[in-house]
């Protein structure tokens, strides 16, 4: 039975300043409310809540101490979030209203990874901070929750160092931070389908780390987008799992591929986003791979609706 990982602590709000960025920092709560209205008691029965924010010792599995210290500076955080007014906030407000929700979202990703190994499929209604690097934040990403989750499970023995991990990133932006975190890890396999003409297109070191890159451009139609995914993903999963089974998969399901998104510059309809998500999860489930799904980017007023509709269908089809 799939599980939904969510906490009201996920939602980011700093006195309206969040509206200056196209990312909907309240989409986590909006998605949960929509799911609760659509699924009723079933949604509440499937809910799993993180017990608290991610701990510093877990952050240190990925991030340098120097970087974590720099997060005490509102000017640095404003740069990483691409929100200049944040530089003028008192540090305690920045930590309380911005960093702490992201720490809760990261804890949700760790919990989703553990839950997926127990029940097969878990969806965190946050996370997917795939631009954060070990020594720096960028692209509205502060903590690399994906790296933290995998290393936390490895550090406590839930995963062994030999276990193969498949990472499927379908956010419109290439997940450069994940590539840097797992740069030397030959048990972490990356499939990344992204708009090659937008940020972070000049991170050549990250691009070189992708095991199966599928670059597309804004000229790509929905039909071409889905055809490329359906052509490339099955072969990637079969190749990774040929010599040794894949122990765990991560699906970074950014909704910024949506045709109305302000930043993704792609042309996928709501029906296409749903078809994409159902296809990816079906491919992973067919192969018996425990999977956790993350929300990642989405820069439109309907991002939360796209998320909730995909999660609802995944629950109905896999419940």
C-alpha atoms as a PDB file:
ATOM      1  CA  UNK A   1       0.000   0.000   0.000  1.00  0.00           C
ATOM      2  CA  UNK A   2       1.510   3.395  -0.971  1.00  0.00           C
ATOM      3  CA  UNK A   3       2.156   5.985   1.722  1.00  0.00           C
ATOM      4  CA  UNK A   4       1.988   9.792   1.663  1.00  0.00           C
ATOM      5  CA  UNK A   5       4.636  11.632   3.684  1.00  0.00           C
ATOM      6  CA  UNK A   6       3.588  15.129   4.730  1.00  0.00           C
ATOM      7  CA  UNK A   7       3.783  17.650   7.551  1.00  0.00           C
ATOM      8  CA  UNK A   8       2.248  21.135   7.792  1.00  0.00           C
ATOM      9  CA  UNK A   9       5.757  22.237   8.763  1.00  0.00           C
ATOM     10  CA  UNK A  10       6.766  21.897   5.083  1.00  0.00           C
ATOM     11  CA  UNK A  11       5.080  25.106   4.018  1.00  0.00           C
ATOM     12  CA  UNK A  12       7.367  28.110   3.585  1.00  0.00           C
ATOM     13  CA  UNK A  13       6.122  31.613   4.306  1.00  0.00           C
ATOM     14  CA  UNK A  14       7.973  34.794   5.128  1.00  0.00           C
ATOM     15  CA  UNK A  15       5.466  37.622   5.289  1.00  0.00           C
ATOM     16  CA  UNK A  16       4.579  37.559   1.605  1.00  0.00           C
ATOM     17  CA  UNK A  17       8.152  37.792   0.307  1.00  0.00           C
ATOM     18  CA  UNK A  18       7.794  34.240  -1.051  1.00  0.00           C
ATOM     19  CA  UNK A  19       5.417  35.627  -3.686  1.00  0.00           C
ATOM     20  CA  UNK A  20       8.389  37.368  -5.328  1.00  0.00           C
ATOM     21  CA  UNK A  21       9.589  33.950  -6.537  1.00  0.00           C
ATOM     22  CA  UNK A  22       7.493  31.899  -9.007  1.00  0.00           C
ATOM     23  CA  UNK A  23       7.849  28.770  -6.856  1.00  0.00           C
ATOM     24  CA  UNK A  24       4.693  28.112  -4.846  1.00  0.00           C
ATOM     25  CA  UNK A  25       6.124  27.574  -1.382  1.00  0.00           C
ATOM     26  CA  UNK A  26       2.686  26.588  -0.045  1.00  0.00           C
ATOM     27  CA  UNK A  27       2.025  23.912  -2.659  1.00  0.00           C
ATOM     28  CA  UNK A  28       2.768  21.131  -0.176  1.00  0.00           C
ATOM     29  CA  UNK A  29      -0.206  22.036   1.996  1.00  0.00           C
ATOM     30  CA  UNK A  30      -2.394  22.786  -0.999  1.00  0.00           C
ATOM     31  CA  UNK A  31      -1.614  19.387  -2.524  1.00  0.00           C
ATOM     32  CA  UNK A  32      -2.388  17.647   0.776  1.00  0.00           C
ATOM     33  CA  UNK A  33      -5.698  19.514   1.150  1.00  0.00           C
ATOM     34  CA  UNK A  34      -6.719  18.513  -2.378  1.00  0.00           C
ATOM     35  CA  UNK A  35      -5.808  14.886  -1.718  1.00  0.00           C
ATOM     36  CA  UNK A  36      -7.689  14.898   1.562  1.00  0.00           C
ATOM     37  CA  UNK A  37     -10.773  16.320  -0.148  1.00  0.00           C
ATOM     38  CA  UNK A  38     -10.569  13.786  -2.979  1.00  0.00           C
ATOM     39  CA  UNK A  39      -9.671  10.673  -1.000  1.00  0.00           C
ATOM     40  CA  UNK A  40     -11.151  11.469   2.401  1.00  0.00           C
ATOM     41  CA  UNK A  41     -10.323   9.011   5.164  1.00  0.00           C
ATOM     42  CA  UNK A  42      -8.158   6.982   2.799  1.00  0.00           C
ATOM     43  CA  UNK A  43      -5.693   9.856   2.504  1.00  0.00           C
ATOM     44  CA  UNK A  44      -5.478  10.197   6.286  1.00  0.00           C
ATOM     45  CA  UNK A  45      -4.971   6.436   6.663  1.00  0.00           C
ATOM     46  CA  UNK A  46      -2.021   6.560   4.250  1.00  0.00           C
ATOM     47  CA  UNK A  47      -0.390   9.565   5.896  1.00  0.00           C
ATOM     48  CA  UNK A  48       3.030   9.247   7.530  1.00  0.00           C
ATOM     49  CA  UNK A  49       4.501  12.267   9.307  1.00  0.00           C
ATOM     50  CA  UNK A  50       8.186  12.994   9.936  1.00  0.00           C
ATOM     51  CA  UNK A  51       8.888  13.272  13.662  1.00  0.00           C
ATOM     52  CA  UNK A  52      10.987  16.412  13.324  1.00  0.00           C
ATOM     53  CA  UNK A  53      13.365  18.341  11.058  1.00  0.00           C
ATOM     54  CA  UNK A  54      16.473  16.688   9.679  1.00  0.00           C
ATOM     55  CA  UNK A  55      19.313  16.589  12.178  1.00  0.00           C
ATOM     56  CA  UNK A  56      22.652  18.315  11.758  1.00  0.00           C
ATOM     57  CA  UNK A  57      24.518  14.997  11.801  1.00  0.00           C
ATOM     58  CA  UNK A  58      22.440  13.864   8.816  1.00  0.00           C
ATOM     59  CA  UNK A  59      23.099  17.115   6.954  1.00  0.00           C
ATOM     60  CA  UNK A  60      26.817  16.581   7.539  1.00  0.00           C
ATOM     61  CA  UNK A  61      26.650  13.284   5.647  1.00  0.00           C
ATOM     62  CA  UNK A  62      26.438  15.439   2.504  1.00  0.00           C
ATOM     63  CA  UNK A  63      27.200  19.067   3.283  1.00  0.00           C
ATOM     64  CA  UNK A  64      30.431  20.667   4.462  1.00  0.00           C
ATOM     65  CA  UNK A  65      30.584  22.401   7.825  1.00  0.00           C
ATOM     66  CA  UNK A  66      31.673  25.593   6.107  1.00  0.00           C
ATOM     67  CA  UNK A  67      28.549  25.570   3.953  1.00  0.00           C
ATOM     68  CA  UNK A  68      26.230  24.858   6.875  1.00  0.00           C
ATOM     69  CA  UNK A  69      27.840  27.769   8.736  1.00  0.00           C
ATOM     70  CA  UNK A  70      27.255  30.078   5.765  1.00  0.00           C
ATOM     71  CA  UNK A  71      23.540  29.338   6.014  1.00  0.00           C
ATOM     72  CA  UNK A  72      23.507  31.573   9.097  1.00  0.00           C
ATOM     73  CA  UNK A  73      24.002  34.546   6.782  1.00  0.00           C
ATOM     74  CA  UNK A  74      20.747  35.916   5.273  1.00  0.00           C
ATOM     75  CA  UNK A  75      22.710  37.425   2.382  1.00  0.00           C
ATOM     76  CA  UNK A  76      23.986  34.001   1.357  1.00  0.00           C
ATOM     77  CA  UNK A  77      20.581  32.360   1.721  1.00  0.00           C
ATOM     78  CA  UNK A  78      18.984  35.150  -0.344  1.00  0.00           C
ATOM     79  CA  UNK A  79      21.441  34.385  -3.140  1.00  0.00           C
ATOM     80  CA  UNK A  80      20.769  30.641  -3.021  1.00  0.00           C
ATOM     81  CA  UNK A  81      17.011  31.214  -3.041  1.00  0.00           C
ATOM     82  CA  UNK A  82      17.196  33.913  -5.726  1.00  0.00           C
ATOM     83  CA  UNK A  83      15.165  36.170  -3.428  1.00  0.00           C
ATOM     84  CA  UNK A  84      17.157  39.359  -2.739  1.00  0.00           C
ATOM     85  CA  UNK A  85      14.780  40.749  -0.037  1.00  0.00           C
ATOM     86  CA  UNK A  86      15.641  37.784   2.228  1.00  0.00           C
ATOM     87  CA  UNK A  87      19.021  39.416   2.876  1.00  0.00           C
ATOM     88  CA  UNK A  88      17.255  41.995   5.048  1.00  0.00           C
ATOM     89  CA  UNK A  89      15.501  39.489   7.312  1.00  0.00           C
ATOM     90  CA  UNK A  90      16.802  38.927  10.854  1.00  0.00           C
ATOM     91  CA  UNK A  91      18.635  35.614  11.020  1.00  0.00           C
ATOM     92  CA  UNK A  92      16.189  34.022  13.454  1.00  0.00           C
ATOM     93  CA  UNK A  93      13.243  34.763  11.165  1.00  0.00           C
ATOM     94  CA  UNK A  94      15.100  33.374   8.148  1.00  0.00           C
ATOM     95  CA  UNK A  95      15.946  30.204  10.048  1.00  0.00           C
ATOM     96  CA  UNK A  96      12.406  29.810  11.432  1.00  0.00           C
ATOM     97  CA  UNK A  97      10.381  30.637   8.318  1.00  0.00           C
ATOM     98  CA  UNK A  98      12.668  29.378   5.513  1.00  0.00           C
ATOM     99  CA  UNK A  99      15.392  26.970   6.584  1.00  0.00           C
ATOM    100  CA  UNK A 100      13.359  25.047   9.140  1.00  0.00           C
ATOM    101  CA  UNK A 101      10.559  24.126   6.659  1.00  0.00           C
ATOM    102  CA  UNK A 102      13.225  22.865   4.241  1.00  0.00           C
ATOM    103  CA  UNK A 103      14.733  20.814   7.064  1.00  0.00           C
ATOM    104  CA  UNK A 104      11.302  19.287   7.674  1.00  0.00           C
ATOM    105  CA  UNK A 105      10.963  18.552   3.949  1.00  0.00           C
ATOM    106  CA  UNK A 106      14.370  16.880   3.977  1.00  0.00           C
ATOM    107  CA  UNK A 107      13.373  14.761   6.973  1.00  0.00           C
ATOM    108  CA  UNK A 108      10.294  13.777   4.973  1.00  0.00           C
ATOM    109  CA  UNK A 109      12.507  12.549   2.154  1.00  0.00           C
ATOM    110  CA  UNK A 110      14.553  10.426   4.575  1.00  0.00           C
ATOM    111  CA  UNK A 111      11.317   8.991   5.966  1.00  0.00           C
ATOM    112  CA  UNK A 112       9.952   8.378   2.458  1.00  0.00           C
ATOM    113  CA  UNK A 113      13.084   6.406   1.574  1.00  0.00           C
ATOM    114  CA  UNK A 114      12.680   4.196   4.645  1.00  0.00           C
ATOM    115  CA  UNK A 115       8.945   3.816   4.070  1.00  0.00           C
ATOM    116  CA  UNK A 116       9.435   2.827   0.427  1.00  0.00           C
ATOM    117  CA  UNK A 117      11.637  -0.068   1.484  1.00  0.00           C
ATOM    118  CA  UNK A 118       8.833  -1.245   3.784  1.00  0.00           C
ATOM    119  CA  UNK A 119       5.752  -0.779   1.590  1.00  0.00           C
ATOM    120  CA  UNK A 120       7.043  -0.389  -1.983  1.00  0.00           C
ATOM    121  CA  UNK A 121       5.980   3.200  -2.764  1.00  0.00           C
ATOM    122  CA  UNK A 122       6.119   6.400  -0.740  1.00  0.00           C
ATOM    123  CA  UNK A 123       5.464   9.954  -1.920  1.00  0.00           C
ATOM    124  CA  UNK A 124       6.905  12.902  -0.041  1.00  0.00           C
ATOM    125  CA  UNK A 125       4.846  16.034  -0.640  1.00  0.00           C
ATOM    126  CA  UNK A 126       8.054  18.061  -0.526  1.00  0.00           C
ATOM    127  CA  UNK A 127      11.722  17.557  -1.324  1.00  0.00           C
ATOM    128  CA  UNK A 128      13.532  17.100  -4.575  1.00  0.00           C
ATOM    129  CA  UNK A 129      16.079  19.847  -3.802  1.00  0.00           C
ATOM    130  CA  UNK A 130      18.279  18.601  -6.602  1.00  0.00           C
ATOM    131  CA  UNK A 131      20.412  21.720  -7.171  1.00  0.00           C
ATOM    132  CA  UNK A 132      22.008  21.853  -3.702  1.00  0.00           C
ATOM    133  CA  UNK A 133      25.684  20.845  -3.752  1.00  0.00           C
ATOM    134  CA  UNK A 134      27.855  19.636  -0.871  1.00  0.00           C
ATOM    135  CA  UNK A 135      29.394  23.075  -0.521  1.00  0.00           C
ATOM    136  CA  UNK A 136      26.685  25.411  -1.777  1.00  0.00           C
ATOM    137  CA  UNK A 137      23.011  26.079  -2.314  1.00  0.00           C
ATOM    138  CA  UNK A 138      21.415  27.370  -5.499  1.00  0.00           C
ATOM    139  CA  UNK A 139      18.232  27.277  -7.546  1.00  0.00           C
ATOM    140  CA  UNK A 140      15.924  27.534  -4.500  1.00  0.00           C
ATOM    141  CA  UNK A 141      17.619  24.419  -3.063  1.00  0.00           C
ATOM    142  CA  UNK A 142      19.408  24.569   0.302  1.00  0.00           C
ATOM    143  CA  UNK A 143      19.763  20.932   1.451  1.00  0.00           C
ATOM    144  CA  UNK A 144      20.319  18.038  -0.934  1.00  0.00           C
ATOM    145  CA  UNK A 145      17.615  15.845   0.566  1.00  0.00           C
ATOM    146  CA  UNK A 146      18.211  13.089  -1.994  1.00  0.00           C
ATOM    147  CA  UNK A 147      21.843  12.700  -1.010  1.00  0.00           C
ATOM    148  CA  UNK A 148      21.042  12.994   2.691  1.00  0.00           C
ATOM    149  CA  UNK A 149      18.397  10.256   2.475  1.00  0.00           C
ATOM    150  CA  UNK A 150      20.641   7.756   0.709  1.00  0.00           C
ATOM    151  CA  UNK A 151      23.616   8.398   2.962  1.00  0.00           C
ATOM    152  CA  UNK A 152      21.495   8.267   6.105  1.00  0.00           C
ATOM    153  CA  UNK A 153      20.176   4.829   5.109  1.00  0.00           C
ATOM    154  CA  UNK A 154      23.662   3.666   4.250  1.00  0.00           C
ATOM    155  CA  UNK A 155      25.129   4.963   7.485  1.00  0.00           C
ATOM    156  CA  UNK A 156      22.680   3.001   9.649  1.00  0.00           C
ATOM    157  CA  UNK A 157      22.903  -0.175   7.560  1.00  0.00           C
ATOM    158  CA  UNK A 158      19.421   0.006   6.035  1.00  0.00           C
ATOM    159  CA  UNK A 159      21.193   0.121   2.681  1.00  0.00           C
ATOM    160  CA  UNK A 160      24.556  -1.501   2.063  1.00  0.00           C
ATOM    161  CA  UNK A 161      27.353   0.240   0.204  1.00  0.00           C
ATOM    162  CA  UNK A 162      26.865  -2.264  -2.633  1.00  0.00           C
ATOM    163  CA  UNK A 163      23.134  -1.675  -3.076  1.00  0.00           C
ATOM    164  CA  UNK A 164      22.268  -0.168  -6.441  1.00  0.00           C
ATOM    165  CA  UNK A 165      20.198   3.010  -6.463  1.00  0.00           C
ATOM    166  CA  UNK A 166      18.358   4.272  -9.548  1.00  0.00           C
ATOM    167  CA  UNK A 167      17.614   7.990  -9.716  1.00  0.00           C
ATOM    168  CA  UNK A 168      15.076   9.226 -12.275  1.00  0.00           C
ATOM    169  CA  UNK A 169      14.955  13.018 -12.564  1.00  0.00           C
ATOM    170  CA  UNK A 170      12.205  14.465 -14.772  1.00  0.00           C
ATOM    171  CA  UNK A 171      12.254  17.996 -13.447  1.00  0.00           C
ATOM    172  CA  UNK A 172      12.665  20.400 -16.379  1.00  0.00           C
ATOM    173  CA  UNK A 173      15.964  21.566 -14.870  1.00  0.00           C
ATOM    174  CA  UNK A 174      18.950  19.231 -14.813  1.00  0.00           C
ATOM    175  CA  UNK A 175      19.675  17.960 -11.293  1.00  0.00           C
ATOM    176  CA  UNK A 176      23.238  19.213 -11.066  1.00  0.00           C
ATOM    177  CA  UNK A 177      23.490  19.098  -7.267  1.00  0.00           C
ATOM    178  CA  UNK A 178      22.694  15.380  -7.179  1.00  0.00           C
ATOM    179  CA  UNK A 179      25.420  14.786  -9.762  1.00  0.00           C
ATOM    180  CA  UNK A 180      27.958  16.552  -7.550  1.00  0.00           C
ATOM    181  CA  UNK A 181      26.898  14.681  -4.397  1.00  0.00           C
ATOM    182  CA  UNK A 182      27.234  11.293  -6.115  1.00  0.00           C
ATOM    183  CA  UNK A 183      30.127  12.212  -8.391  1.00  0.00           C
ATOM    184  CA  UNK A 184      32.328   9.315  -7.192  1.00  0.00           C
ATOM    185  CA  UNK A 185      29.543   6.834  -6.378  1.00  0.00           C
ATOM    186  CA  UNK A 186      29.377   3.996  -8.899  1.00  0.00           C
ATOM    187  CA  UNK A 187      26.336   2.418  -7.188  1.00  0.00           C
ATOM    188  CA  UNK A 188      24.128   5.447  -7.835  1.00  0.00           C
ATOM    189  CA  UNK A 189      22.770   5.530 -11.393  1.00  0.00           C
ATOM    190  CA  UNK A 190      21.321   8.727 -12.846  1.00  0.00           C
ATOM    191  CA  UNK A 191      18.644   9.102 -15.519  1.00  0.00           C
ATOM    192  CA  UNK A 192      18.009  12.786 -16.230  1.00  0.00           C
ATOM    193  CA  UNK A 193      15.650  14.186 -18.868  1.00  0.00           C
ATOM    194  CA  UNK A 194      15.870  17.974 -18.918  1.00  0.00           C
ATOM    195  CA  UNK A 195      15.591  21.154 -20.962  1.00  0.00           C
ATOM    196  CA  UNK A 196      19.175  21.645 -22.111  1.00  0.00           C
ATOM    197  CA  UNK A 197      18.680  25.349 -22.908  1.00  0.00           C
ATOM    198  CA  UNK A 198      17.881  26.532 -19.393  1.00  0.00           C
ATOM    199  CA  UNK A 199      19.657  26.634 -16.013  1.00  0.00           C
ATOM    200  CA  UNK A 200      21.983  24.944 -15.100  1.00  0.00           C
ATOM    201  CA  UNK A 201      23.119  24.259 -18.644  1.00  0.00           C
ATOM    202  CA  UNK A 202      26.730  25.342 -18.085  1.00  0.00           C
ATOM    203  CA  UNK A 203      27.514  22.899 -15.259  1.00  0.00           C
ATOM    204  CA  UNK A 204      29.585  20.625 -17.476  1.00  0.00           C
ATOM    205  CA  UNK A 205      30.911  18.548 -14.577  1.00  0.00           C
ATOM    206  CA  UNK A 206      27.357  17.648 -13.587  1.00  0.00           C
ATOM    207  CA  UNK A 207      26.375  16.828 -17.157  1.00  0.00           C
ATOM    208  CA  UNK A 208      29.341  14.468 -17.468  1.00  0.00           C
ATOM    209  CA  UNK A 209      28.144  12.483 -14.420  1.00  0.00           C
ATOM    210  CA  UNK A 210      24.721  11.516 -15.831  1.00  0.00           C
ATOM    211  CA  UNK A 211      24.555   7.826 -16.753  1.00  0.00           C
ATOM    212  CA  UNK A 212      21.619   8.279 -19.123  1.00  0.00           C
ATOM    213  CA  UNK A 213      21.167  11.903 -20.210  1.00  0.00           C
ATOM    214  CA  UNK A 214      18.092  12.766 -22.269  1.00  0.00           C
ATOM    215  CA  UNK A 215      18.498  16.437 -23.223  1.00  0.00           C
ATOM    216  CA  UNK A 216      15.540  18.109 -24.896  1.00  0.00           C
ATOM    217  CA  UNK A 217      14.718  21.697 -25.868  1.00  0.00           C
ATOM    218  CA  UNK A 218      11.730  24.005 -25.740  1.00  0.00           C
ATOM    219  CA  UNK A 219      10.879  22.903 -29.276  1.00  0.00           C
ATOM    220  CA  UNK A 220       9.999  19.440 -27.943  1.00  0.00           C
ATOM    221  CA  UNK A 221       6.281  18.641 -28.226  1.00  0.00           C
ATOM    222  CA  UNK A 222       4.376  16.648 -25.622  1.00  0.00           C
ATOM    223  CA  UNK A 223       4.267  13.643 -27.928  1.00  0.00           C
ATOM    224  CA  UNK A 224       8.030  13.820 -28.460  1.00  0.00           C
ATOM    225  CA  UNK A 225       8.624  14.273 -24.730  1.00  0.00           C
ATOM    226  CA  UNK A 226       6.637  11.201 -23.752  1.00  0.00           C
ATOM    227  CA  UNK A 227       8.071   9.164 -26.633  1.00  0.00           C
ATOM    228  CA  UNK A 228      11.630   9.958 -25.537  1.00  0.00           C
ATOM    229  CA  UNK A 229      10.841   8.969 -21.948  1.00  0.00           C
ATOM    230  CA  UNK A 230       9.151   5.720 -22.963  1.00  0.00           C
ATOM    231  CA  UNK A 231      12.013   4.870 -25.277  1.00  0.00           C
ATOM    232  CA  UNK A 232      14.893   5.561 -22.876  1.00  0.00           C
ATOM    233  CA  UNK A 233      13.720   4.763 -19.332  1.00  0.00           C
ATOM    234  CA  UNK A 234      12.988   1.010 -19.653  1.00  0.00           C
ATOM    235  CA  UNK A 235      16.404   0.331 -21.185  1.00  0.00           C
ATOM    236  CA  UNK A 236      18.114   2.361 -18.459  1.00  0.00           C
ATOM    237  CA  UNK A 237      16.395   0.423 -15.678  1.00  0.00           C
ATOM    238  CA  UNK A 238      17.106  -2.939 -17.333  1.00  0.00           C
ATOM    239  CA  UNK A 239      20.758  -2.028 -17.840  1.00  0.00           C
ATOM    240  CA  UNK A 240      21.258  -0.922 -14.228  1.00  0.00           C
ATOM    241  CA  UNK A 241      19.519  -4.010 -12.846  1.00  0.00           C
ATOM    242  CA  UNK A 242      21.065  -6.564 -15.203  1.00  0.00           C
ATOM    243  CA  UNK A 243      23.992  -7.720 -13.050  1.00  0.00           C
ATOM    244  CA  UNK A 244      22.493  -6.921  -9.639  1.00  0.00           C
ATOM    245  CA  UNK A 245      18.938  -5.949  -8.627  1.00  0.00           C
ATOM    246  CA  UNK A 246      18.143  -2.296  -7.996  1.00  0.00           C
ATOM    247  CA  UNK A 247      17.538  -1.940  -4.265  1.00  0.00           C
ATOM    248  CA  UNK A 248      15.809   1.449  -4.284  1.00  0.00           C
ATOM    249  CA  UNK A 249      14.643   4.068  -6.794  1.00  0.00           C
ATOM    250  CA  UNK A 250      14.056   7.798  -6.478  1.00  0.00           C
ATOM    251  CA  UNK A 251      11.640   9.588  -8.783  1.00  0.00           C
ATOM    252  CA  UNK A 252      12.117  13.355  -8.843  1.00  0.00           C
ATOM    253  CA  UNK A 253       8.808  14.378 -10.408  1.00  0.00           C
ATOM    254  CA  UNK A 254       9.063  18.099 -11.131  1.00  0.00           C
ATOM    255  CA  UNK A 255       5.877  19.594 -12.531  1.00  0.00           C
ATOM    256  CA  UNK A 256       7.779  22.409 -14.253  1.00  0.00           C
ATOM    257  CA  UNK A 257       7.456  20.477 -17.524  1.00  0.00           C
ATOM    258  CA  UNK A 258       3.847  21.736 -17.573  1.00  0.00           C
ATOM    259  CA  UNK A 259       3.010  23.998 -20.517  1.00  0.00           C
ATOM    260  CA  UNK A 260       1.958  26.868 -18.245  1.00  0.00           C
ATOM    261  CA  UNK A 261       5.111  26.837 -16.118  1.00  0.00           C
ATOM    262  CA  UNK A 262       7.064  30.096 -15.889  1.00  0.00           C
ATOM    263  CA  UNK A 263      10.541  28.564 -15.901  1.00  0.00           C
ATOM    264  CA  UNK A 264      10.521  25.078 -17.466  1.00  0.00           C
ATOM    265  CA  UNK A 265       9.761  26.236 -21.024  1.00  0.00           C
ATOM    266  CA  UNK A 266       8.294  22.894 -22.042  1.00  0.00           C
ATOM    267  CA  UNK A 267       4.874  22.007 -23.416  1.00  0.00           C
ATOM    268  CA  UNK A 268       3.382  19.115 -21.464  1.00  0.00           C
ATOM    269  CA  UNK A 269      -0.346  19.268 -20.711  1.00  0.00           C
ATOM    270  CA  UNK A 270      -1.871  18.252 -17.347  1.00  0.00           C
ATOM    271  CA  UNK A 271      -2.887  14.948 -18.951  1.00  0.00           C
ATOM    272  CA  UNK A 272       0.690  14.503 -20.163  1.00  0.00           C
ATOM    273  CA  UNK A 273       2.125  15.138 -16.687  1.00  0.00           C
ATOM    274  CA  UNK A 274      -0.216  12.483 -15.287  1.00  0.00           C
ATOM    275  CA  UNK A 275       0.683  10.021 -18.050  1.00  0.00           C
ATOM    276  CA  UNK A 276       4.380  10.629 -17.389  1.00  0.00           C
ATOM    277  CA  UNK A 277       4.089   9.982 -13.650  1.00  0.00           C
ATOM    278  CA  UNK A 278       1.990   6.851 -14.056  1.00  0.00           C
ATOM    279  CA  UNK A 279       4.419   5.483 -16.648  1.00  0.00           C
ATOM    280  CA  UNK A 280       7.503   6.013 -14.473  1.00  0.00           C
ATOM    281  CA  UNK A 281       5.990   4.447 -11.370  1.00  0.00           C
ATOM    282  CA  UNK A 282       4.582   1.558 -13.421  1.00  0.00           C
ATOM    283  CA  UNK A 283       8.014   0.809 -14.898  1.00  0.00           C
ATOM    284  CA  UNK A 284       9.564   0.758 -11.434  1.00  0.00           C
ATOM    285  CA  UNK A 285       6.754  -1.314  -9.941  1.00  0.00           C
ATOM    286  CA  UNK A 286       6.893  -3.822 -12.796  1.00  0.00           C
ATOM    287  CA  UNK A 287      10.504  -4.482 -11.826  1.00  0.00           C
ATOM    288  CA  UNK A 288       9.693  -4.754  -8.120  1.00  0.00           C
ATOM    289  CA  UNK A 289      11.820  -1.749  -7.196  1.00  0.00           C
ATOM    290  CA  UNK A 290      10.876   0.085  -3.973  1.00  0.00           C
ATOM    291  CA  UNK A 291      10.417   3.721  -4.934  1.00  0.00           C
ATOM    292  CA  UNK A 292      10.021   7.085  -3.300  1.00  0.00           C
ATOM    293  CA  UNK A 293       8.734  10.089  -5.214  1.00  0.00           C
ATOM    294  CA  UNK A 294       9.553  13.758  -4.594  1.00  0.00           C
ATOM    295  CA  UNK A 295       7.815  16.922  -5.804  1.00  0.00           C
ATOM    296  CA  UNK A 296      10.832  19.007  -6.915  1.00  0.00           C
ATOM    297  CA  UNK A 297      10.158  22.107  -9.052  1.00  0.00           C
ATOM    298  CA  UNK A 298       6.904  23.606 -10.244  1.00  0.00           C
ATOM    299  CA  UNK A 299       6.411  27.278 -11.018  1.00  0.00           C
ATOM    300  CA  UNK A 300       2.757  27.692 -11.879  1.00  0.00           C
ATOM    301  CA  UNK A 301      -0.426  28.313  -9.857  1.00  0.00           C
ATOM    302  CA  UNK A 302      -1.665  24.820 -10.704  1.00  0.00           C
ATOM    303  CA  UNK A 303       1.477  22.911  -9.716  1.00  0.00           C
ATOM    304  CA  UNK A 304      -0.165  21.616  -6.549  1.00  0.00           C
ATOM    305  CA  UNK A 305      -3.141  20.349  -8.563  1.00  0.00           C
ATOM    306  CA  UNK A 306      -0.876  18.447 -10.948  1.00  0.00           C
ATOM    307  CA  UNK A 307       0.896  16.870  -7.976  1.00  0.00           C
ATOM    308  CA  UNK A 308      -2.310  15.911  -6.176  1.00  0.00           C
ATOM    309  CA  UNK A 309      -3.895  14.444  -9.297  1.00  0.00           C
ATOM    310  CA  UNK A 310      -0.860  12.237  -9.960  1.00  0.00           C
ATOM    311  CA  UNK A 311      -0.648  11.097  -6.345  1.00  0.00           C
ATOM    312  CA  UNK A 312      -4.386  10.318  -6.272  1.00  0.00           C
ATOM    313  CA  UNK A 313      -4.143   8.139  -9.375  1.00  0.00           C
ATOM    314  CA  UNK A 314      -1.035   6.378  -8.096  1.00  0.00           C
ATOM    315  CA  UNK A 315      -2.882   5.522  -4.885  1.00  0.00           C
ATOM    316  CA  UNK A 316      -5.982   4.330  -6.715  1.00  0.00           C
ATOM    317  CA  UNK A 317      -3.930   2.163  -9.074  1.00  0.00           C
ATOM    318  CA  UNK A 318      -1.473   0.792  -6.510  1.00  0.00           C
ATOM    319  CA  UNK A 319      -3.558   0.728  -3.359  1.00  0.00           C
END
